[in-house]
C-alpha cells in the first residue's frame, strides 16, 4: 500500500493527554487539527464541519466552583477515522523527583554526614557561640 499522510497519522498512537488537556483548551488549534484530519481522510468539508463539534464532549459547567472537565470523544475518533484500530500511547512514567525534594528521617538531604548537615551544624554552633 502506498504511504500517505493519513497512513502515517493512523500508524501513530493517540496521546489522550494531548487531546484532552492541550487541544481542547485551544479552540483555534482544535479546529485546525480536526480540519486537517478531515482533509487527510478526504471528507466533504461541509460534513466534516458538522462532525467536528461532536469530538468535544467537555463538561464546561460542573458543580459550582469546579473547573471545567475537558473530554475528547475518542470513541468517535476511533470509529470515524481509525476504523476501530486506534491505539493509545502508553502513559509516560513520572519524571524523577529532584534530590532536594526529599531528605532522610532527620530531614537532611545528603544523609547524616553530608555537607548540608555539617554546614547546618557549623552555622548553629557559630550562632550560639557568639
Foldseek 3Di string as FASTA:
>chain_A
DDDDPLVVVLVDAAEQCCQFPPLQVDPVSLVVVQQVLCVRVVHDSVVSVVVSVVQWPKACDDPPPDHTGTHGNVVCCCVPRNVVPHHHDDDDDDDDDPLQVAPPPVGHSPDDPDPVNVVVVVVVVVVVVD
